[in-house]
Amino acid sequence: MVSCFICRELGLGLGNFTQEQIDAVNTFRHGKSYTIERCTEVLGMAHNKEESPIDSDPAIEFFNYGKNNQGYWPSENMAIQFEDVCDCLKALEATKNIHFIFMFDHSSGHAKAQDDGLKASNLGVGYGGNQTKIRNTIIEDGCLDTQPDCTVKVGDTYCLSFRTVCTKPMHMLSEEQDYHENETAQ
């Protein structure tokens, strides 16, 4: 299996990636760290880029796909590869006047989200019970309907999970609301 970047100007990968270019990229990376620390932790690599020097073309990564081989290519690998490729493109003289646009077809990234992120499958539809803790959201300008009866205002903090102080679900009768509130308290 291969994870690669293709460029109109350079072709597959970064073209003929010489030792001189590798040295230039590693000099460019001196004193820098990977953007997403969680990715380096998951992959068991150093967060500091100096301790993870590039030694070949990072735009082409071959691996033996499957559970009994080298595994799969999760989003952490894709994020690190992308950052390594971006470092190369920024450091190389041949790419100084190229505007970069990246398009990805990376299916294992479809299921990724922040642990406390806004992901539909994490949202509870009922009141009470076990719920995923989802971060609060601050309402920004341009995110609201312009209806005059809107109770949420710009700057408000919007809670995306039911709390004991929340208004109970309107689709329940008051008896159901009380029942679920008592059930949650136990």
N, C-alpha and C. Protein backbone atom coordinates (compact mmCIF):
# COMPACT_ATOMS: atom_id res chain seq x y z
N MET A 1 0.86 -1.16 0.00
CA MET A 1 0.00 0.00 0.00
C MET A 1 0.91 1.22 0.00
N VAL A 2 0.39 2.31 -0.51
CA VAL A 2 1.18 3.54 -0.56
C VAL A 2 0.33 4.73 -0.14
N SER A 3 0.93 5.64 0.58
CA SER A 3 0.33 6.93 0.87
C SER A 3 1.26 7.94 0.21
N CYS A 4 0.73 8.66 -0.79
CA CYS A 4 1.62 9.56 -1.54
C CYS A 4 0.95 10.87 -1.90
N PHE A 5 1.80 11.83 -2.21
CA PHE A 5 1.39 13.14 -2.70
C PHE A 5 1.85 13.26 -4.14
N ILE A 6 1.00 13.80 -4.97
CA ILE A 6 1.32 14.01 -6.38
C ILE A 6 1.20 15.49 -6.67
N CYS A 7 2.17 16.00 -7.40
CA CYS A 7 2.22 17.43 -7.70
C CYS A 7 2.42 17.61 -9.20
N ARG A 8 1.71 18.55 -9.80
CA ARG A 8 1.88 18.81 -11.24
C ARG A 8 3.31 19.16 -11.58
N GLU A 9 3.92 20.00 -10.74
CA GLU A 9 5.26 20.48 -11.02
C GLU A 9 6.35 19.43 -10.76
N LEU A 10 6.17 18.59 -9.73
CA LEU A 10 7.22 17.67 -9.32
C LEU A 10 6.91 16.21 -9.64
N GLY A 11 5.69 15.91 -9.96
CA GLY A 11 5.30 14.52 -10.23
C GLY A 11 4.96 13.76 -8.95
N LEU A 12 5.20 12.47 -8.97
CA LEU A 12 4.93 11.62 -7.81
C LEU A 12 5.96 11.91 -6.73
N GLY A 13 5.50 12.22 -5.54
CA GLY A 13 6.42 12.56 -4.46
C GLY A 13 7.05 13.92 -4.71
N LEU A 14 8.27 14.08 -4.25
CA LEU A 14 8.97 15.36 -4.40
C LEU A 14 10.02 15.32 -5.50
N GLY A 15 9.85 14.39 -6.44
CA GLY A 15 10.80 14.29 -7.55
C GLY A 15 12.07 13.61 -7.09
N ASN A 16 13.19 14.04 -7.60
CA ASN A 16 14.49 13.49 -7.20
C ASN A 16 14.93 14.19 -5.92
N PHE A 17 14.62 13.59 -4.81
CA PHE A 17 14.89 14.19 -3.49
C PHE A 17 16.33 13.85 -3.10
N THR A 18 17.23 14.83 -3.23
CA THR A 18 18.66 14.61 -3.01
C THR A 18 19.04 14.77 -1.54
N GLN A 19 20.24 14.31 -1.18
CA GLN A 19 20.73 14.45 0.19
C GLN A 19 20.87 15.93 0.55
N GLU A 20 21.25 16.75 -0.41
CA GLU A 20 21.37 18.19 -0.17
C GLU A 20 20.00 18.79 0.21
N GLN A 21 18.95 18.35 -0.48
CA GLN A 21 17.61 18.83 -0.16
C GLN A 21 17.15 18.31 1.20
N ILE A 22 17.46 17.06 1.51
CA ILE A 22 17.11 16.50 2.82
C ILE A 22 17.77 17.31 3.93
N ASP A 23 19.04 17.66 3.73
CA ASP A 23 19.76 18.46 4.72
C ASP A 23 19.12 19.84 4.87
N ALA A 24 18.70 20.45 3.76
CA ALA A 24 18.05 21.77 3.80
C ALA A 24 16.72 21.69 4.57
N VAL A 25 15.97 20.62 4.35
CA VAL A 25 14.70 20.46 5.05
C VAL A 25 14.93 20.28 6.55
N ASN A 26 15.88 19.44 6.93
CA ASN A 26 16.15 19.22 8.35
C ASN A 26 16.68 20.49 9.03
N THR A 27 17.42 21.32 8.30
CA THR A 27 17.85 22.62 8.84
C THR A 27 16.63 23.52 9.04
N PHE A 28 15.71 23.51 8.09
CA PHE A 28 14.48 24.29 8.18
C PHE A 28 13.66 23.85 9.41
N ARG A 29 13.66 22.56 9.72
CA ARG A 29 12.87 22.00 10.82
C ARG A 29 13.52 22.21 12.19
N HIS A 30 14.75 22.68 12.21
CA HIS A 30 15.48 22.86 13.46
C HIS A 30 14.69 23.77 14.42
N GLY A 31 14.50 23.30 15.64
CA GLY A 31 13.79 24.09 16.66
C GLY A 31 12.28 24.07 16.57
N LYS A 32 11.73 23.26 15.66
CA LYS A 32 10.28 23.21 15.49
C LYS A 32 9.73 21.89 16.02
N SER A 33 8.46 21.92 16.38
CA SER A 33 7.78 20.73 16.89
C SER A 33 6.58 20.43 16.01
N TYR A 34 6.12 19.18 16.06
CA TYR A 34 4.91 18.81 15.33
C TYR A 34 3.71 19.53 15.93
N THR A 35 2.78 19.92 15.07
CA THR A 35 1.63 20.70 15.48
C THR A 35 0.70 19.93 16.41
N ILE A 36 0.46 18.67 16.10
CA ILE A 36 -0.50 17.88 16.88
C ILE A 36 0.27 16.87 17.72
N GLU A 37 0.49 17.22 18.99
CA GLU A 37 1.30 16.39 19.88
C GLU A 37 0.70 14.98 20.04
N ARG A 38 -0.63 14.87 20.03
CA ARG A 38 -1.29 13.58 20.19
C ARG A 38 -0.85 12.60 19.11
N CYS A 39 -0.63 13.08 17.90
CA CYS A 39 -0.20 12.20 16.80
C CYS A 39 1.16 11.60 17.08
N THR A 40 2.09 12.41 17.57
CA THR A 40 3.42 11.89 17.87
C THR A 40 3.36 10.90 19.02
N GLU A 41 2.50 11.14 19.99
CA GLU A 41 2.35 10.22 21.12
C GLU A 41 1.81 8.88 20.65
N VAL A 42 0.76 8.91 19.82
CA VAL A 42 0.16 7.67 19.32
C VAL A 42 1.16 6.87 18.51
N LEU A 43 1.98 7.53 17.71
CA LEU A 43 2.95 6.85 16.85
C LEU A 43 4.27 6.56 17.56
N GLY A 44 4.41 7.00 18.81
CA GLY A 44 5.63 6.73 19.58
C GLY A 44 6.86 7.42 19.02
N MET A 45 6.67 8.64 18.55
CA MET A 45 7.81 9.37 17.99
C MET A 45 8.01 10.68 18.75
N ALA A 46 9.18 11.27 18.58
CA ALA A 46 9.51 12.52 19.27
C ALA A 46 8.63 13.65 18.77
N HIS A 47 8.23 14.53 19.69
CA HIS A 47 7.41 15.69 19.32
C HIS A 47 8.28 16.75 18.63
N ASN A 48 9.53 16.80 19.02
CA ASN A 48 10.48 17.75 18.45
C ASN A 48 10.94 17.22 17.09
N LYS A 49 10.85 18.05 16.06
CA LYS A 49 11.20 17.61 14.71
C LYS A 49 12.68 17.31 14.53
N GLU A 50 13.54 17.92 15.37
CA GLU A 50 14.97 17.62 15.29
C GLU A 50 15.25 16.16 15.64
N GLU A 51 14.42 15.60 16.53
CA GLU A 51 14.60 14.21 16.95
C GLU A 51 13.91 13.24 15.98
N SER A 52 13.20 13.77 15.00
CA SER A 52 12.55 12.95 13.96
C SER A 52 12.96 13.49 12.60
N PRO A 53 14.26 13.43 12.28
CA PRO A 53 14.70 14.02 11.02
C PRO A 53 14.16 13.26 9.81
N ILE A 54 14.02 13.97 8.72
CA ILE A 54 13.60 13.37 7.46
C ILE A 54 14.83 12.75 6.81
N ASP A 55 14.72 11.49 6.39
CA ASP A 55 15.86 10.82 5.76
C ASP A 55 15.56 10.33 4.35
N SER A 56 14.33 10.56 3.90
CA SER A 56 13.95 10.19 2.53
C SER A 56 12.73 11.04 2.15
N ASP A 57 12.22 10.84 0.97
CA ASP A 57 11.07 11.60 0.48
C ASP A 57 9.83 11.25 1.30
N PRO A 58 9.32 12.19 2.14
CA PRO A 58 8.15 11.88 2.96
C PRO A 58 6.84 11.87 2.17
N ALA A 59 6.88 12.30 0.92
CA ALA A 59 5.66 12.35 0.12
C ALA A 59 5.28 10.99 -0.44
N ILE A 60 6.14 9.98 -0.26
CA ILE A 60 5.83 8.61 -0.68
C ILE A 60 6.14 7.68 0.48
N GLU A 61 5.11 7.06 1.02
CA GLU A 61 5.28 6.12 2.13
C GLU A 61 4.67 4.78 1.73
N PHE A 62 5.49 3.77 1.64
CA PHE A 62 5.02 2.41 1.34
C PHE A 62 4.88 1.64 2.66
N PHE A 63 3.85 0.82 2.77
CA PHE A 63 3.70 -0.03 3.95
C PHE A 63 2.89 -1.27 3.58
N ASN A 64 3.10 -2.34 4.35
CA ASN A 64 2.36 -3.59 4.15
C ASN A 64 1.06 -3.50 4.92
N TYR A 65 -0.02 -3.34 4.19
CA TYR A 65 -1.35 -3.08 4.74
C TYR A 65 -1.94 -4.33 5.39
N GLY A 66 -2.57 -4.16 6.53
CA GLY A 66 -3.30 -5.25 7.15
C GLY A 66 -2.92 -5.50 8.60
N LYS A 67 -3.81 -6.14 9.32
CA LYS A 67 -3.63 -6.39 10.74
C LYS A 67 -2.39 -7.24 11.04
N ASN A 68 -2.07 -8.19 10.17
CA ASN A 68 -0.92 -9.07 10.40
C ASN A 68 0.36 -8.55 9.77
N ASN A 69 0.34 -7.37 9.21
CA ASN A 69 1.53 -6.78 8.61
C ASN A 69 1.94 -5.55 9.40
N GLN A 70 2.11 -4.43 8.71
CA GLN A 70 2.49 -3.19 9.40
C GLN A 70 1.28 -2.41 9.88
N GLY A 71 0.10 -2.96 9.71
CA GLY A 71 -1.10 -2.30 10.19
C GLY A 71 -1.78 -1.46 9.13
N TYR A 72 -2.35 -0.38 9.57
CA TYR A 72 -3.13 0.49 8.70
C TYR A 72 -2.50 1.87 8.67
N TRP A 73 -3.10 2.78 7.98
CA TRP A 73 -2.59 4.15 7.86
C TRP A 73 -3.61 5.08 8.49
N PRO A 74 -3.61 5.18 9.84
CA PRO A 74 -4.62 6.00 10.51
C PRO A 74 -4.36 7.50 10.31
N SER A 75 -5.27 8.29 10.79
CA SER A 75 -5.18 9.74 10.57
C SER A 75 -3.93 10.33 11.22
N GLU A 76 -3.42 9.71 12.29
CA GLU A 76 -2.19 10.23 12.91
C GLU A 76 -1.02 10.13 11.93
N ASN A 77 -0.90 9.01 11.22
CA ASN A 77 0.15 8.87 10.20
C ASN A 77 -0.03 9.92 9.11
N MET A 78 -1.28 10.11 8.69
CA MET A 78 -1.56 11.07 7.61
C MET A 78 -1.18 12.48 8.05
N ALA A 79 -1.50 12.85 9.30
CA ALA A 79 -1.20 14.20 9.79
C ALA A 79 0.31 14.44 9.85
N ILE A 80 1.07 13.44 10.33
CA ILE A 80 2.53 13.58 10.40
C ILE A 80 3.13 13.64 9.00
N GLN A 81 2.66 12.77 8.10
CA GLN A 81 3.16 12.79 6.73
C GLN A 81 2.87 14.15 6.07
N PHE A 82 1.67 14.65 6.27
CA PHE A 82 1.29 15.94 5.69
C PHE A 82 2.20 17.06 6.21
N GLU A 83 2.46 17.06 7.51
CA GLU A 83 3.31 18.10 8.07
C GLU A 83 4.75 17.98 7.55
N ASP A 84 5.24 16.74 7.42
CA ASP A 84 6.59 16.54 6.87
C ASP A 84 6.66 17.03 5.42
N VAL A 85 5.64 16.73 4.62
CA VAL A 85 5.61 17.18 3.23
C VAL A 85 5.56 18.71 3.17
N CYS A 86 4.74 19.32 4.02
CA CYS A 86 4.66 20.79 4.04
C CYS A 86 6.01 21.41 4.40
N ASP A 87 6.73 20.81 5.36
CA ASP A 87 8.07 21.31 5.71
C ASP A 87 8.99 21.27 4.49
N CYS A 88 8.93 20.17 3.75
CA CYS A 88 9.76 20.04 2.55
C CYS A 88 9.41 21.10 1.52
N LEU A 89 8.13 21.27 1.28
CA LEU A 89 7.70 22.25 0.27
C LEU A 89 8.09 23.67 0.65
N LYS A 90 8.02 23.98 1.94
CA LYS A 90 8.39 25.32 2.41
C LYS A 90 9.90 25.53 2.36
N ALA A 91 10.67 24.46 2.58
CA ALA A 91 12.12 24.60 2.67
C ALA A 91 12.84 24.56 1.32
N LEU A 92 12.26 23.92 0.34
CA LEU A 92 12.97 23.72 -0.93
C LEU A 92 12.87 24.94 -1.84
N GLU A 93 13.98 25.32 -2.40
CA GLU A 93 14.07 26.48 -3.29
C GLU A 93 13.18 26.31 -4.53
N ALA A 94 13.07 25.10 -5.03
CA ALA A 94 12.30 24.83 -6.25
C ALA A 94 10.79 25.06 -6.07
N THR A 95 10.34 25.13 -4.83
CA THR A 95 8.89 25.28 -4.59
C THR A 95 8.53 26.65 -4.02
N LYS A 96 9.47 27.58 -4.02
CA LYS A 96 9.24 28.91 -3.40
C LYS A 96 8.09 29.68 -4.05
N ASN A 97 7.89 29.53 -5.36
CA ASN A 97 6.86 30.30 -6.06
C ASN A 97 5.63 29.47 -6.41
N ILE A 98 5.43 28.38 -5.70
CA ILE A 98 4.27 27.51 -5.96
C ILE A 98 3.24 27.71 -4.87
N HIS A 99 2.00 27.89 -5.27
CA HIS A 99 0.89 28.00 -4.32
C HIS A 99 0.36 26.59 -4.09
N PHE A 100 0.30 26.15 -2.84
CA PHE A 100 -0.09 24.77 -2.53
C PHE A 100 -1.57 24.66 -2.22
N ILE A 101 -2.20 23.70 -2.83
CA ILE A 101 -3.58 23.32 -2.52
C ILE A 101 -3.58 21.81 -2.38
N PHE A 102 -4.10 21.30 -1.26
CA PHE A 102 -4.08 19.87 -1.01
C PHE A 102 -5.50 19.32 -1.05
N MET A 103 -5.67 18.19 -1.70
CA MET A 103 -6.94 17.47 -1.71
C MET A 103 -6.65 16.06 -1.21
N PHE A 104 -7.48 15.58 -0.28
CA PHE A 104 -7.22 14.29 0.34
C PHE A 104 -8.33 13.30 0.02
N ASP A 105 -7.92 12.06 -0.15
CA ASP A 105 -8.84 10.93 -0.20
C ASP A 105 -8.31 9.95 0.84
N HIS A 106 -8.71 10.15 2.07
CA HIS A 106 -8.17 9.39 3.20
C HIS A 106 -9.34 8.87 4.04
N SER A 107 -9.83 7.71 3.69
CA SER A 107 -11.07 7.22 4.29
C SER A 107 -10.99 6.95 5.78
N SER A 108 -9.82 6.61 6.33
CA SER A 108 -9.79 6.33 7.77
C SER A 108 -9.92 7.61 8.59
N GLY A 109 -9.84 8.76 7.96
CA GLY A 109 -10.04 10.02 8.67
C GLY A 109 -11.50 10.38 8.87
N HIS A 110 -12.41 9.66 8.23
CA HIS A 110 -13.82 10.00 8.34
C HIS A 110 -14.35 9.87 9.76
N ALA A 111 -13.81 8.96 10.53
CA ALA A 111 -14.32 8.70 11.88
C ALA A 111 -13.61 9.54 12.94
N LYS A 112 -12.67 10.39 12.55
CA LYS A 112 -11.89 11.14 13.51
C LYS A 112 -12.60 12.43 13.91
N ALA A 113 -12.49 12.73 15.19
CA ALA A 113 -13.01 13.99 15.73
C ALA A 113 -12.35 14.19 17.09
N GLN A 114 -12.41 15.39 17.61
CA GLN A 114 -11.91 15.62 18.95
C GLN A 114 -12.74 14.80 19.93
N ASP A 115 -12.12 14.38 21.03
CA ASP A 115 -12.85 13.57 22.01
C ASP A 115 -14.09 14.30 22.52
N ASP A 116 -13.99 15.61 22.70
CA ASP A 116 -15.13 16.39 23.19
C ASP A 116 -15.77 17.20 22.06
N GLY A 117 -15.51 16.80 20.83
CA GLY A 117 -15.96 17.56 19.67
C GLY A 117 -17.42 17.36 19.32
N LEU A 118 -17.87 18.16 18.39
CA LEU A 118 -19.25 18.12 17.94
C LEU A 118 -19.38 17.06 16.86
N LYS A 119 -19.72 15.88 17.26
CA LYS A 119 -19.85 14.75 16.36
C LYS A 119 -21.25 14.18 16.57
N ALA A 120 -22.03 14.08 15.50
CA ALA A 120 -23.43 13.70 15.60
C ALA A 120 -23.63 12.39 16.35
N SER A 121 -22.76 11.42 16.14
CA SER A 121 -22.94 10.13 16.80
C SER A 121 -22.70 10.20 18.30
N ASN A 122 -22.08 11.29 18.79
CA ASN A 122 -21.86 11.46 20.23
C ASN A 122 -23.00 12.21 20.91
N LEU A 123 -23.90 12.78 20.13
CA LEU A 123 -24.97 13.57 20.72
C LEU A 123 -26.08 12.67 21.20
N GLY A 124 -26.48 12.85 22.46
CA GLY A 124 -27.58 12.07 23.01
C GLY A 124 -28.91 12.65 22.56
N VAL A 125 -29.86 11.80 22.27
CA VAL A 125 -31.18 12.29 21.87
C VAL A 125 -32.14 12.28 23.04
N GLY A 126 -31.76 11.62 24.10
CA GLY A 126 -32.63 11.55 25.28
C GLY A 126 -32.08 12.36 26.42
N TYR A 127 -32.90 12.49 27.42
CA TYR A 127 -32.54 13.24 28.61
C TYR A 127 -32.10 12.24 29.66
N GLY A 128 -30.96 12.48 30.29
CA GLY A 128 -30.49 11.58 31.35
C GLY A 128 -29.65 10.45 30.79
N GLY A 129 -29.28 9.54 31.69
CA GLY A 129 -28.47 8.40 31.28
C GLY A 129 -27.02 8.80 31.04
N ASN A 130 -26.24 7.84 30.57
CA ASN A 130 -24.83 8.12 30.27
C ASN A 130 -24.74 8.98 29.03
N GLN A 131 -23.93 10.02 29.12
CA GLN A 131 -23.75 10.93 28.00
C GLN A 131 -22.26 11.20 27.80
N THR A 132 -21.88 11.38 26.57
CA THR A 132 -20.53 11.81 26.27
C THR A 132 -20.40 13.26 26.68
N LYS A 133 -19.32 13.62 27.35
CA LYS A 133 -19.11 15.02 27.72
C LYS A 133 -18.64 15.76 26.48
N ILE A 134 -19.43 16.69 26.03
CA ILE A 134 -19.13 17.46 24.83
C ILE A 134 -18.82 18.89 25.25
N ARG A 135 -17.82 19.46 24.64
CA ARG A 135 -17.41 20.83 25.00
C ARG A 135 -18.53 21.81 24.73
N ASN A 136 -18.51 22.92 25.45
CA ASN A 136 -19.46 23.99 25.21
C ASN A 136 -19.03 24.78 23.98
N THR A 137 -19.96 25.48 23.38
CA THR A 137 -19.69 26.28 22.20
C THR A 137 -20.07 27.72 22.47
N ILE A 138 -19.20 28.64 22.09
CA ILE A 138 -19.52 30.07 22.22
C ILE A 138 -20.10 30.51 20.89
N ILE A 139 -21.28 31.08 20.93
CA ILE A 139 -21.98 31.51 19.72
C ILE A 139 -21.29 32.74 19.14
N GLU A 140 -20.91 32.64 17.87
CA GLU A 140 -20.23 33.74 17.20
C GLU A 140 -21.17 34.43 16.22
N ASP A 141 -20.81 35.63 15.85
CA ASP A 141 -21.61 36.40 14.90
C ASP A 141 -21.70 35.64 13.58
N GLY A 142 -22.88 35.58 13.00
CA GLY A 142 -23.08 34.90 11.73
C GLY A 142 -23.52 33.45 11.88
N CYS A 143 -23.59 32.96 13.10
CA CYS A 143 -23.97 31.56 13.34
C CYS A 143 -25.45 31.40 13.69
N LEU A 144 -26.16 32.49 13.83
CA LEU A 144 -27.54 32.42 14.31
C LEU A 144 -28.55 32.79 13.25
N ASP A 145 -29.72 32.24 13.44
CA ASP A 145 -30.87 32.63 12.63
C ASP A 145 -31.22 34.07 13.02
N THR A 146 -31.74 34.83 12.12
CA THR A 146 -32.04 36.23 12.41
C THR A 146 -33.47 36.44 12.90
N GLN A 147 -34.14 35.36 13.33
CA GLN A 147 -35.51 35.48 13.83
C GLN A 147 -35.53 36.33 15.09
N PRO A 148 -36.54 37.22 15.24
CA PRO A 148 -36.58 38.11 16.40
C PRO A 148 -36.82 37.38 17.72
N ASP A 149 -37.40 36.17 17.68
CA ASP A 149 -37.70 35.46 18.93
C ASP A 149 -36.58 34.49 19.34
N CYS A 150 -35.42 34.58 18.71
CA CYS A 150 -34.30 33.70 19.03
C CYS A 150 -33.80 34.02 20.44
N THR A 151 -33.73 33.00 21.30
CA THR A 151 -33.31 33.23 22.69
C THR A 151 -31.81 33.17 22.88
N VAL A 152 -31.09 32.63 21.90
CA VAL A 152 -29.63 32.56 21.98
C VAL A 152 -29.06 33.81 21.32
N LYS A 153 -28.08 34.41 21.96
CA LYS A 153 -27.47 35.64 21.46
C LYS A 153 -25.98 35.43 21.19
N VAL A 154 -25.42 36.26 20.33
CA VAL A 154 -23.99 36.22 20.05
C VAL A 154 -23.23 36.43 21.36
N GLY A 155 -22.23 35.57 21.60
CA GLY A 155 -21.44 35.65 22.83
C GLY A 155 -21.92 34.68 23.90
N ASP A 156 -23.13 34.13 23.75
CA ASP A 156 -23.64 33.15 24.72
C ASP A 156 -22.83 31.87 24.63
N THR A 157 -22.74 31.17 25.75
CA THR A 157 -22.14 29.84 25.78
C THR A 157 -23.27 28.84 25.67
N TYR A 158 -23.18 27.97 24.68
CA TYR A 158 -24.24 27.01 24.40
C TYR A 158 -23.77 25.63 24.86
N CYS A 159 -24.55 25.03 25.74
CA CYS A 159 -24.23 23.72 26.29
C CYS A 159 -24.85 22.65 25.40
N LEU A 160 -24.05 21.67 24.97
CA LEU A 160 -24.53 20.66 24.03
C LEU A 160 -24.84 19.32 24.68
N SER A 161 -24.89 19.28 25.99
CA SER A 161 -25.33 18.07 26.68
C SER A 161 -26.27 18.48 27.80
N PHE A 162 -27.18 17.59 28.14
CA PHE A 162 -28.15 17.90 29.18
C PHE A 162 -27.46 17.97 30.54
N ARG A 163 -27.77 18.99 31.30
CA ARG A 163 -27.27 19.15 32.66
C ARG A 163 -28.49 19.30 33.56
N THR A 164 -28.29 19.14 34.85
CA THR A 164 -29.43 19.23 35.77
C THR A 164 -30.06 20.62 35.77
N VAL A 165 -29.32 21.64 35.38
CA VAL A 165 -29.87 22.99 35.34
C VAL A 165 -30.51 23.33 33.99
N CYS A 166 -30.44 22.40 33.05
CA CYS A 166 -30.97 22.64 31.72
C CYS A 166 -32.50 22.58 31.72
N THR A 167 -33.07 23.29 30.77
CA THR A 167 -34.50 23.16 30.54
C THR A 167 -34.74 21.74 30.05
N LYS A 168 -35.77 21.12 30.58
CA LYS A 168 -36.03 19.73 30.22
C LYS A 168 -36.56 19.64 28.79
N PRO A 169 -36.40 18.49 28.15
CA PRO A 169 -36.84 18.34 26.76
C PRO A 169 -38.32 18.63 26.59
N MET A 170 -38.65 19.46 25.60
CA MET A 170 -40.04 19.87 25.41
C MET A 170 -40.90 18.77 24.84
N HIS A 171 -40.30 17.72 24.25
CA HIS A 171 -41.11 16.65 23.68
C HIS A 171 -41.63 15.69 24.75
N MET A 172 -41.20 15.88 26.02
CA MET A 172 -41.67 15.02 27.11
C MET A 172 -42.76 15.71 27.91
N LEU A 173 -43.68 14.92 28.38
CA LEU A 173 -44.67 15.44 29.33
C LEU A 173 -43.96 15.76 30.62
N SER A 174 -44.54 16.63 31.45
CA SER A 174 -43.86 17.01 32.70
C SER A 174 -43.61 15.80 33.59
N GLU A 175 -44.53 14.79 33.56
CA GLU A 175 -44.33 13.58 34.36
C GLU A 175 -43.09 12.81 33.87
N GLU A 176 -42.91 12.76 32.54
CA GLU A 176 -41.74 12.08 31.98
C GLU A 176 -40.45 12.83 32.35
N GLN A 177 -40.53 14.16 32.29
CA GLN A 177 -39.37 14.96 32.65
C GLN A 177 -38.96 14.70 34.09
N ASP A 178 -39.94 14.68 35.00
CA ASP A 178 -39.65 14.43 36.42
C ASP A 178 -39.09 13.03 36.62
N TYR A 179 -39.67 12.05 35.91
CA TYR A 179 -39.21 10.66 36.03
C TYR A 179 -37.74 10.55 35.62
N HIS A 180 -37.41 11.12 34.47
CA HIS A 180 -36.03 11.04 33.98
C HIS A 180 -35.06 11.82 34.85
N GLU A 181 -35.53 12.94 35.42
CA GLU A 181 -34.68 13.71 36.31
C GLU A 181 -34.36 12.90 37.57
N ASN A 182 -35.37 12.24 38.12
CA ASN A 182 -35.16 11.40 39.31
C ASN A 182 -34.29 10.19 38.98
N GLU A 183 -34.47 9.61 37.80
CA GLU A 183 -33.69 8.46 37.38
C GLU A 183 -32.21 8.83 37.24
N THR A 184 -31.95 10.01 36.73
CA THR A 184 -30.58 10.47 36.53
C THR A 184 -29.92 10.77 37.88
N ALA A 185 -30.68 11.27 38.83
CA ALA A 185 -30.13 11.62 40.14
C ALA A 185 -29.71 10.39 40.93
N GLN A 186 -30.29 9.23 40.63
CA GLN A 186 -29.96 8.01 41.39
C GLN A 186 -28.71 7.40 40.98
